[in-house]
Amino acid sequence: ITTFILLGLTDDPELQVLIFIFLFLTYMLSVTGNLA
């Protein structure tokens, strides 16, 4: 086996959009804050 499949948190497209926005914002705030 040379590859794996990551299931993630959910398959629901609407929830995935919310998770993406949430994670993107928290990631940017985290990087910006710690870089500051």
PDB file of all heavy atoms in Angstrom:
ATOM      1  N   ILE A   1       0.855  -1.194   0.000  1.00  0.00           N
ATOM      2  CA  ILE A   1       0.000   0.000   0.000  1.00  0.00           C
ATOM      3  C   ILE A   1       0.887   1.239   0.000  1.00  0.00           C
ATOM      4  O   ILE A   1       1.765   1.401   0.860  1.00  0.00           O
ATOM      5  CB  ILE A   1      -0.951  -0.004   1.224  1.00  0.00           C
ATOM      6  CG1 ILE A   1      -2.087  -0.989   0.977  1.00  0.00           C
ATOM      7  CG2 ILE A   1      -1.504   1.390   1.502  1.00  0.00           C
ATOM      8  CD1 ILE A   1      -3.052  -1.134   2.116  1.00  0.00           C
ATOM      9  N   THR A   2       0.694   2.084  -0.988  1.00  0.00           N
ATOM     10  CA  THR A   2       1.531   3.295  -1.110  1.00  0.00           C
ATOM     11  C   THR A   2       0.752   4.576  -0.839  1.00  0.00           C
ATOM     12  O   THR A   2       1.335   5.644  -0.780  1.00  0.00           O
ATOM     13  CB  THR A   2       2.136   3.383  -2.535  1.00  0.00           C
ATOM     14  OG1 THR A   2       1.071   3.332  -3.487  1.00  0.00           O
ATOM     15  CG2 THR A   2       3.107   2.233  -2.776  1.00  0.00           C
ATOM     16  N   THR A   3      -0.565   4.450  -0.683  1.00  0.00           N
ATOM     17  CA  THR A   3      -1.402   5.633  -0.395  1.00  0.00           C
ATOM     18  C   THR A   3      -2.435   5.310   0.676  1.00  0.00           C
ATOM     19  O   THR A   3      -2.823   4.147   0.861  1.00  0.00           O
ATOM     20  CB  THR A   3      -2.152   6.124  -1.654  1.00  0.00           C
ATOM     21  OG1 THR A   3      -2.970   5.058  -2.142  1.00  0.00           O
ATOM     22  CG2 THR A   3      -1.185   6.593  -2.729  1.00  0.00           C
ATOM     23  N   PHE A   4      -2.865   6.349   1.390  1.00  0.00           N
ATOM     24  CA  PHE A   4      -3.950   6.234   2.361  1.00  0.00           C
ATOM     25  C   PHE A   4      -5.054   7.216   1.977  1.00  0.00           C
ATOM     26  O   PHE A   4      -4.821   8.179   1.253  1.00  0.00           O
ATOM     27  CB  PHE A   4      -3.453   6.569   3.770  1.00  0.00           C
ATOM     28  CG  PHE A   4      -2.430   5.612   4.300  1.00  0.00           C
ATOM     29  CD1 PHE A   4      -1.097   5.977   4.387  1.00  0.00           C
ATOM     30  CD2 PHE A   4      -2.795   4.344   4.729  1.00  0.00           C
ATOM     31  CE1 PHE A   4      -0.136   5.100   4.870  1.00  0.00           C
ATOM     32  CE2 PHE A   4      -1.853   3.454   5.223  1.00  0.00           C
ATOM     33  CZ  PHE A   4      -0.518   3.830   5.289  1.00  0.00           C
ATOM     34  N   ILE A   5      -6.239   6.960   2.494  1.00  0.00           N
ATOM     35  CA  ILE A   5      -7.369   7.875   2.290  1.00  0.00           C
ATOM     36  C   ILE A   5      -7.763   8.447   3.643  1.00  0.00           C
ATOM     37  O   ILE A   5      -8.093   7.702   4.578  1.00  0.00           O
ATOM     38  CB  ILE A   5      -8.570   7.148   1.646  1.00  0.00           C
ATOM     39  CG1 ILE A   5      -8.194   6.641   0.253  1.00  0.00           C
ATOM     40  CG2 ILE A   5      -9.784   8.080   1.555  1.00  0.00           C
ATOM     41  CD1 ILE A   5      -9.187   5.680  -0.345  1.00  0.00           C
ATOM     42  N   LEU A   6      -7.711   9.771   3.784  1.00  0.00           N
ATOM     43  CA  LEU A   6      -8.086  10.453   5.027  1.00  0.00           C
ATOM     44  C   LEU A   6      -9.571  10.792   4.970  1.00  0.00           C
ATOM     45  O   LEU A   6     -10.007  11.589   4.134  1.00  0.00           O
ATOM     46  CB  LEU A   6      -7.256  11.726   5.207  1.00  0.00           C
ATOM     47  CG  LEU A   6      -5.750  11.540   5.407  1.00  0.00           C
ATOM     48  CD1 LEU A   6      -5.022  12.866   5.272  1.00  0.00           C
ATOM     49  CD2 LEU A   6      -5.454  10.922   6.770  1.00  0.00           C
ATOM     50  N   LEU A   7     -10.363  10.199   5.859  1.00  0.00           N
ATOM     51  CA  LEU A   7     -11.813  10.428   5.842  1.00  0.00           C
ATOM     52  C   LEU A   7     -12.193  11.844   6.242  1.00  0.00           C
ATOM     53  O   LEU A   7     -13.225  12.362   5.819  1.00  0.00           O
ATOM     54  CB  LEU A   7     -12.514   9.422   6.764  1.00  0.00           C
ATOM     55  CG  LEU A   7     -12.590   7.977   6.282  1.00  0.00           C
ATOM     56  CD1 LEU A   7     -13.396   7.147   7.267  1.00  0.00           C
ATOM     57  CD2 LEU A   7     -13.205   7.888   4.891  1.00  0.00           C
ATOM     58  N   GLY A   8     -11.364  12.472   7.084  1.00  0.00           N
ATOM     59  CA  GLY A   8     -11.686  13.825   7.555  1.00  0.00           C
ATOM     60  C   GLY A   8     -12.713  13.801   8.671  1.00  0.00           C
ATOM     61  O   GLY A   8     -12.876  12.791   9.360  1.00  0.00           O
ATOM     62  N   LEU A   9     -13.445  14.901   8.833  1.00  0.00           N
ATOM     63  CA  LEU A   9     -14.430  15.003   9.913  1.00  0.00           C
ATOM     64  C   LEU A   9     -15.841  14.658   9.472  1.00  0.00           C
ATOM     65  O   LEU A   9     -16.631  14.127  10.233  1.00  0.00           O
ATOM     66  CB  LEU A   9     -14.415  16.421  10.501  1.00  0.00           C
ATOM     67  CG  LEU A   9     -13.143  16.835  11.242  1.00  0.00           C
ATOM     68  CD1 LEU A   9     -13.210  18.299  11.629  1.00  0.00           C
ATOM     69  CD2 LEU A   9     -12.939  15.989  12.491  1.00  0.00           C
ATOM     70  N   THR A  10     -16.177  15.009   8.224  1.00  0.00           N
ATOM     71  CA  THR A  10     -17.534  14.773   7.732  1.00  0.00           C
ATOM     72  C   THR A  10     -17.555  14.722   6.200  1.00  0.00           C
ATOM     73  O   THR A  10     -16.666  15.258   5.548  1.00  0.00           O
ATOM     74  CB  THR A  10     -18.477  15.899   8.216  1.00  0.00           C
ATOM     75  OG1 THR A  10     -19.793  15.662   7.707  1.00  0.00           O
ATOM     76  CG2 THR A  10     -18.008  17.270   7.743  1.00  0.00           C
ATOM     77  N   ASP A  11     -18.604  14.065   5.678  1.00  0.00           N
ATOM     78  CA  ASP A  11     -18.810  14.030   4.228  1.00  0.00           C
ATOM     79  C   ASP A  11     -19.872  15.036   3.784  1.00  0.00           C
ATOM     80  O   ASP A  11     -20.105  15.206   2.583  1.00  0.00           O
ATOM     81  CB  ASP A  11     -19.240  12.623   3.788  1.00  0.00           C
ATOM     82  CG  ASP A  11     -18.087  11.632   3.855  1.00  0.00           C
ATOM     83  OD1 ASP A  11     -16.949  12.049   3.584  1.00  0.00           O
ATOM     84  OD2 ASP A  11     -18.333  10.462   4.189  1.00  0.00           O
ATOM     85  N   ASP A  12     -20.509  15.675   4.747  1.00  0.00           N
ATOM     86  CA  ASP A  12     -21.555  16.656   4.442  1.00  0.00           C
ATOM     87  C   ASP A  12     -20.932  17.899   3.781  1.00  0.00           C
ATOM     88  O   ASP A  12     -20.122  18.587   4.420  1.00  0.00           O
ATOM     89  CB  ASP A  12     -22.273  17.051   5.738  1.00  0.00           C
ATOM     90  CG  ASP A  12     -23.490  17.918   5.485  1.00  0.00           C
ATOM     91  OD1 ASP A  12     -23.488  18.694   4.497  1.00  0.00           O
ATOM     92  OD2 ASP A  12     -24.447  17.836   6.269  1.00  0.00           O
ATOM     93  N   PRO A  13     -21.278  18.223   2.521  1.00  0.00           N
ATOM     94  CA  PRO A  13     -20.682  19.367   1.810  1.00  0.00           C
ATOM     95  C   PRO A  13     -20.873  20.709   2.526  1.00  0.00           C
ATOM     96  O   PRO A  13     -19.958  21.538   2.554  1.00  0.00           O
ATOM     97  CB  PRO A  13     -21.399  19.375   0.452  1.00  0.00           C
ATOM     98  CG  PRO A  13     -21.913  17.987   0.290  1.00  0.00           C
ATOM     99  CD  PRO A  13     -22.237  17.504   1.665  1.00  0.00           C
ATOM    100  N   GLU A  14     -22.056  20.918   3.112  1.00  0.00           N
ATOM    101  CA  GLU A  14     -22.328  22.182   3.817  1.00  0.00           C
ATOM    102  C   GLU A  14     -21.461  22.315   5.063  1.00  0.00           C
ATOM    103  O   GLU A  14     -20.918  23.391   5.345  1.00  0.00           O
ATOM    104  CB  GLU A  14     -23.809  22.268   4.189  1.00  0.00           C
ATOM    105  CG  GLU A  14     -24.727  22.442   2.973  1.00  0.00           C
ATOM    106  CD  GLU A  14     -26.186  22.555   3.365  1.00  0.00           C
ATOM    107  OE1 GLU A  14     -26.485  22.513   4.581  1.00  0.00           O
ATOM    108  OE2 GLU A  14     -27.025  22.689   2.449  1.00  0.00           O
ATOM    109  N   LEU A  15     -21.347  21.211   5.796  1.00  0.00           N
ATOM    110  CA  LEU A  15     -20.496  21.225   6.987  1.00  0.00           C
ATOM    111  C   LEU A  15     -19.036  21.409   6.605  1.00  0.00           C
ATOM    112  O   LEU A  15     -18.280  22.091   7.316  1.00  0.00           O
ATOM    113  CB  LEU A  15     -20.654  19.923   7.774  1.00  0.00           C
ATOM    114  CG  LEU A  15     -21.727  19.886   8.868  1.00  0.00           C
ATOM    115  CD1 LEU A  15     -21.795  18.505   9.489  1.00  0.00           C
ATOM    116  CD2 LEU A  15     -21.472  20.939   9.939  1.00  0.00           C
ATOM    117  N   GLN A  16     -18.633  20.812   5.496  1.00  0.00           N
ATOM    118  CA  GLN A  16     -17.257  20.949   5.031  1.00  0.00           C
ATOM    119  C   GLN A  16     -16.911  22.401   4.713  1.00  0.00           C
ATOM    120  O   GLN A  16     -15.798  22.858   5.007  1.00  0.00           O
ATOM    121  CB  GLN A  16     -17.025  20.082   3.791  1.00  0.00           C
ATOM    122  CG  GLN A  16     -16.846  18.614   4.113  1.00  0.00           C
ATOM    123  CD  GLN A  16     -16.457  17.801   2.903  1.00  0.00           C
ATOM    124  OE1 GLN A  16     -16.680  18.202   1.767  1.00  0.00           O
ATOM    125  NE2 GLN A  16     -15.866  16.638   3.129  1.00  0.00           N
ATOM    126  N   VAL A  17     -17.853  23.132   4.142  1.00  0.00           N
ATOM    127  CA  VAL A  17     -17.653  24.565   3.843  1.00  0.00           C
ATOM    128  C   VAL A  17     -17.444  25.340   5.144  1.00  0.00           C
ATOM    129  O   VAL A  17     -16.521  26.163   5.257  1.00  0.00           O
ATOM    130  CB  VAL A  17     -18.847  25.142   3.051  1.00  0.00           C
ATOM    131  CG1 VAL A  17     -18.729  26.660   2.941  1.00  0.00           C
ATOM    132  CG2 VAL A  17     -18.918  24.528   1.666  1.00  0.00           C
ATOM    133  N   LEU A  18     -18.295  25.056   6.132  1.00  0.00           N
ATOM    134  CA  LEU A  18     -18.185  25.736   7.433  1.00  0.00           C
ATOM    135  C   LEU A  18     -16.857  25.406   8.112  1.00  0.00           C
ATOM    136  O   LEU A  18     -16.195  26.279   8.661  1.00  0.00           O
ATOM    137  CB  LEU A  18     -19.353  25.338   8.346  1.00  0.00           C
ATOM    138  CG  LEU A  18     -20.732  25.864   7.962  1.00  0.00           C
ATOM    139  CD1 LEU A  18     -21.804  25.274   8.872  1.00  0.00           C
ATOM    140  CD2 LEU A  18     -20.776  27.393   8.027  1.00  0.00           C
ATOM    141  N   ILE A  19     -16.479  24.123   8.062  1.00  0.00           N
ATOM    142  CA  ILE A  19     -15.206  23.684   8.664  1.00  0.00           C
ATOM    143  C   ILE A  19     -14.033  24.355   7.957  1.00  0.00           C
ATOM    144  O   ILE A  19     -13.082  24.806   8.607  1.00  0.00           O
ATOM    145  CB  ILE A  19     -15.076  22.147   8.609  1.00  0.00           C
ATOM    146  CG1 ILE A  19     -16.060  21.498   9.572  1.00  0.00           C
ATOM    147  CG2 ILE A  19     -13.654  21.716   8.954  1.00  0.00           C
ATOM    148  CD1 ILE A  19     -16.192  20.001   9.409  1.00  0.00           C
ATOM    149  N   PHE A  20     -14.107  24.432   6.626  1.00  0.00           N
ATOM    150  CA  PHE A  20     -13.029  25.060   5.851  1.00  0.00           C
ATOM    151  C   PHE A  20     -12.860  26.525   6.249  1.00  0.00           C
ATOM    152  O   PHE A  20     -11.727  26.982   6.503  1.00  0.00           O
ATOM    153  CB  PHE A  20     -13.319  24.967   4.351  1.00  0.00           C
ATOM    154  CG  PHE A  20     -12.236  25.558   3.489  1.00  0.00           C
ATOM    155  CD1 PHE A  20     -11.164  24.782   3.077  1.00  0.00           C
ATOM    156  CD2 PHE A  20     -12.260  26.901   3.117  1.00  0.00           C
ATOM    157  CE1 PHE A  20     -10.147  25.324   2.291  1.00  0.00           C
ATOM    158  CE2 PHE A  20     -11.244  27.452   2.342  1.00  0.00           C
ATOM    159  CZ  PHE A  20     -10.189  26.659   1.927  1.00  0.00           C
ATOM    160  N   ILE A  21     -13.965  27.274   6.311  1.00  0.00           N
ATOM    161  CA  ILE A  21     -13.912  28.701   6.681  1.00  0.00           C
ATOM    162  C   ILE A  21     -13.365  28.860   8.090  1.00  0.00           C
ATOM    163  O   ILE A  21     -12.482  29.696   8.350  1.00  0.00           O
ATOM    164  CB  ILE A  21     -15.317  29.349   6.567  1.00  0.00           C
ATOM    165  CG1 ILE A  21     -15.770  29.379   5.101  1.00  0.00           C
ATOM    166  CG2 ILE A  21     -15.308  30.768   7.138  1.00  0.00           C
ATOM    167  CD1 ILE A  21     -17.233  29.718   4.919  1.00  0.00           C
ATOM    168  N   PHE A  22     -13.880  28.021   9.016  1.00  0.00           N
ATOM    169  CA  PHE A  22     -13.452  28.070  10.415  1.00  0.00           C
ATOM    170  C   PHE A  22     -11.953  27.790  10.544  1.00  0.00           C
ATOM    171  O   PHE A  22     -11.211  28.548  11.190  1.00  0.00           O
ATOM    172  CB  PHE A  22     -14.255  27.054  11.225  1.00  0.00           C
ATOM    173  CG  PHE A  22     -13.752  26.836  12.620  1.00  0.00           C
ATOM    174  CD1 PHE A  22     -13.977  27.781  13.609  1.00  0.00           C
ATOM    175  CD2 PHE A  22     -13.036  25.684  12.950  1.00  0.00           C
ATOM    176  CE1 PHE A  22     -13.505  27.584  14.902  1.00  0.00           C
ATOM    177  CE2 PHE A  22     -12.560  25.484  14.229  1.00  0.00           C
ATOM    178  CZ  PHE A  22     -12.796  26.437  15.209  1.00  0.00           C
ATOM    179  N   LEU A  23     -11.488  26.719   9.901  1.00  0.00           N
ATOM    180  CA  LEU A  23     -10.075  26.337   9.997  1.00  0.00           C
ATOM    181  C   LEU A  23      -9.163  27.340   9.302  1.00  0.00           C
ATOM    182  O   LEU A  23      -8.063  27.627   9.782  1.00  0.00           O
ATOM    183  CB  LEU A  23      -9.854  24.945   9.417  1.00  0.00           C
ATOM    184  CG  LEU A  23     -10.381  23.770  10.238  1.00  0.00           C
ATOM    185  CD1 LEU A  23     -10.100  22.456   9.531  1.00  0.00           C
ATOM    186  CD2 LEU A  23      -9.769  23.758  11.626  1.00  0.00           C
ATOM    187  N   PHE A  24      -9.612  27.856   8.171  1.00  0.00           N
ATOM    188  CA  PHE A  24      -8.803  28.840   7.445  1.00  0.00           C
ATOM    189  C   PHE A  24      -8.605  30.100   8.292  1.00  0.00           C
ATOM    190  O   PHE A  24      -7.486  30.618   8.396  1.00  0.00           O
ATOM    191  CB  PHE A  24      -9.479  29.199   6.119  1.00  0.00           C
ATOM    192  CG  PHE A  24      -8.709  30.211   5.309  1.00  0.00           C
ATOM    193  CD1 PHE A  24      -7.567  29.834   4.605  1.00  0.00           C
ATOM    194  CD2 PHE A  24      -9.099  31.553   5.270  1.00  0.00           C
ATOM    195  CE1 PHE A  24      -6.847  30.761   3.869  1.00  0.00           C
ATOM    196  CE2 PHE A  24      -8.386  32.489   4.541  1.00  0.00           C
ATOM    197  CZ  PHE A  24      -7.250  32.088   3.836  1.00  0.00           C
ATOM    198  N   LEU A  25      -9.694  30.578   8.915  1.00  0.00           N
ATOM    199  CA  LEU A  25      -9.610  31.784   9.751  1.00  0.00           C
ATOM    200  C   LEU A  25      -8.736  31.548  10.985  1.00  0.00           C
ATOM    201  O   LEU A  25      -7.890  32.385  11.321  1.00  0.00           O
ATOM    202  CB  LEU A  25     -11.007  32.238  10.181  1.00  0.00           C
ATOM    203  CG  LEU A  25     -11.902  32.814   9.075  1.00  0.00           C
ATOM    204  CD1 LEU A  25     -13.304  33.089   9.596  1.00  0.00           C
ATOM    205  CD2 LEU A  25     -11.293  34.094   8.495  1.00  0.00           C
ATOM    206  N   THR A  26      -8.954  30.408  11.664  1.00  0.00           N
ATOM    207  CA  THR A  26      -8.154  30.128  12.866  1.00  0.00           C
ATOM    208  C   THR A  26      -6.681  29.937  12.520  1.00  0.00           C
ATOM    209  O   THR A  26      -5.798  30.362  13.273  1.00  0.00           O
ATOM    210  CB  THR A  26      -8.672  28.874  13.611  1.00  0.00           C
ATOM    211  OG1 THR A  26      -8.732  27.767  12.700  1.00  0.00           O
ATOM    212  CG2 THR A  26     -10.042  29.117  14.224  1.00  0.00           C
ATOM    213  N   TYR A  27      -6.421  29.301  11.365  1.00  0.00           N
ATOM    214  CA  TYR A  27      -5.031  29.087  10.942  1.00  0.00           C
ATOM    215  C   TYR A  27      -4.347  30.425  10.648  1.00  0.00           C
ATOM    216  O   TYR A  27      -3.212  30.667  11.097  1.00  0.00           O
ATOM    217  CB  TYR A  27      -4.986  28.190   9.703  1.00  0.00           C
ATOM    218  CG  TYR A  27      -3.583  27.993   9.166  1.00  0.00           C
ATOM    219  CD1 TYR A  27      -2.650  27.244   9.871  1.00  0.00           C
ATOM    220  CD2 TYR A  27      -3.190  28.578   7.958  1.00  0.00           C
ATOM    221  CE1 TYR A  27      -1.361  27.068   9.387  1.00  0.00           C
ATOM    222  CE2 TYR A  27      -1.899  28.402   7.469  1.00  0.00           C
ATOM    223  CZ  TYR A  27      -0.995  27.643   8.189  1.00  0.00           C
ATOM    224  OH  TYR A  27       0.282  27.485   7.723  1.00  0.00           O
ATOM    225  N   MET A  28      -5.032  31.311   9.920  1.00  0.00           N
ATOM    226  CA  MET A  28      -4.458  32.613   9.586  1.00  0.00           C
ATOM    227  C   MET A  28      -4.230  33.451  10.844  1.00  0.00           C
ATOM    228  O   MET A  28      -3.199  34.116  10.982  1.00  0.00           O
ATOM    229  CB  MET A  28      -5.367  33.373   8.608  1.00  0.00           C
ATOM    230  CG  MET A  28      -5.456  32.740   7.223  1.00  0.00           C
ATOM    231  SD  MET A  28      -3.835  32.433   6.457  1.00  0.00           S
ATOM    232  CE  MET A  28      -3.230  34.108   6.248  1.00  0.00           C
ATOM    233  N   LEU A  29      -5.188  33.414  11.770  1.00  0.00           N
ATOM    234  CA  LEU A  29      -5.043  34.150  13.035  1.00  0.00           C
ATOM    235  C   LEU A  29      -3.887  33.588  13.855  1.00  0.00           C
ATOM    236  O   LEU A  29      -3.121  34.338  14.470  1.00  0.00           O
ATOM    237  CB  LEU A  29      -6.337  34.075  13.848  1.00  0.00           C
ATOM    238  CG  LEU A  29      -7.474  34.992  13.405  1.00  0.00           C
ATOM    239  CD1 LEU A  29      -8.765  34.633  14.138  1.00  0.00           C
ATOM    240  CD2 LEU A  29      -7.134  36.464  13.658  1.00  0.00           C
ATOM    241  N   SER A  30      -3.766  32.274  13.866  1.00  0.00           N
ATOM    242  CA  SER A  30      -2.692  31.613  14.608  1.00  0.00           C
ATOM    243  C   SER A  30      -1.319  32.000  14.072  1.00  0.00           C
ATOM    244  O   SER A  30      -0.425  32.400  14.836  1.00  0.00           O
ATOM    245  CB  SER A  30      -2.876  30.100  14.534  1.00  0.00           C
ATOM    246  OG  SER A  30      -1.782  29.441  15.117  1.00  0.00           O
ATOM    247  N   VAL A  31      -1.157  31.897  12.759  1.00  0.00           N
ATOM    248  CA  VAL A  31       0.124  32.228  12.125  1.00  0.00           C
ATOM    249  C   VAL A  31       0.440  33.710  12.297  1.00  0.00           C
ATOM    250  O   VAL A  31       1.556  34.084  12.682  1.00  0.00           O
ATOM    251  CB  VAL A  31       0.117  31.843  10.625  1.00  0.00           C
ATOM    252  CG1 VAL A  31       1.365  32.365   9.925  1.00  0.00           C
ATOM    253  CG2 VAL A  31       0.031  30.331  10.467  1.00  0.00           C
ATOM    254  N   THR A  32      -0.559  34.567  12.056  1.00  0.00           N
ATOM    255  CA  THR A  32      -0.355  36.023  12.179  1.00  0.00           C
ATOM    256  C   THR A  32      -0.010  36.410  13.613  1.00  0.00           C
ATOM    257  O   THR A  32       0.931  37.183  13.847  1.00  0.00           O
ATOM    258  CB  THR A  32      -1.628  36.786  11.726  1.00  0.00           C
ATOM    259  OG1 THR A  32      -1.986  36.368  10.410  1.00  0.00           O
ATOM    260  CG2 THR A  32      -1.389  38.286  11.742  1.00  0.00           C
ATOM    261  N   GLY A  33      -0.775  35.885  14.569  1.00  0.00           N
ATOM    262  CA  GLY A  33      -0.554  36.212  15.980  1.00  0.00           C
ATOM    263  C   GLY A  33       0.803  35.767  16.484  1.00  0.00           C
ATOM    264  O   GLY A  33       1.527  36.527  17.143  1.00  0.00           O
ATOM    265  N   ASN A  34       1.164  34.534  16.168  1.00  0.00           N
ATOM    266  CA  ASN A  34       2.465  34.013  16.622  1.00  0.00           C
ATOM    267  C   ASN A  34       3.637  34.674  15.907  1.00  0.00           C
ATOM    268  O   ASN A  34       4.691  34.902  16.509  1.00  0.00           O
ATOM    269  CB  ASN A  34       2.511  32.492  16.446  1.00  0.00           C
ATOM    270  CG  ASN A  34       1.728  31.758  17.516  1.00  0.00           C
ATOM    271  OD1 ASN A  34       2.101  31.755  18.686  1.00  0.00           O
ATOM    272  ND2 ASN A  34       0.619  31.149  17.128  1.00  0.00           N
ATOM    273  N   LEU A  35       3.442  35.004  14.622  1.00  0.00           N
ATOM    274  CA  LEU A  35       4.485  35.751  13.893  1.00  0.00           C
ATOM    275  C   LEU A  35       4.665  37.146  14.488  1.00  0.00           C
ATOM    276  O   LEU A  35       5.790  37.665  14.552  1.00  0.00           O
ATOM    277  CB  LEU A  35       4.121  35.868  12.420  1.00  0.00           C
ATOM    278  CG  LEU A  35       4.581  34.741  11.490  1.00  0.00           C
ATOM    279  CD1 LEU A  35       4.087  34.986  10.068  1.00  0.00           C
ATOM    280  CD2 LEU A  35       6.107  34.599  11.498  1.00  0.00           C
ATOM    281  N   ALA A  36       3.557  37.742  14.923  1.00  0.00           N
ATOM    282  CA  ALA A  36       3.621  39.068  15.555  1.00  0.00           C
ATOM    283  C   ALA A  36       4.464  39.014  16.830  1.00  0.00           C
ATOM    284  O   ALA A  36       5.299  39.896  17.076  1.00  0.00           O
ATOM    285  CB  ALA A  36       2.212  39.572  15.876  1.00  0.00           C
TER     286      ALA A  36
END
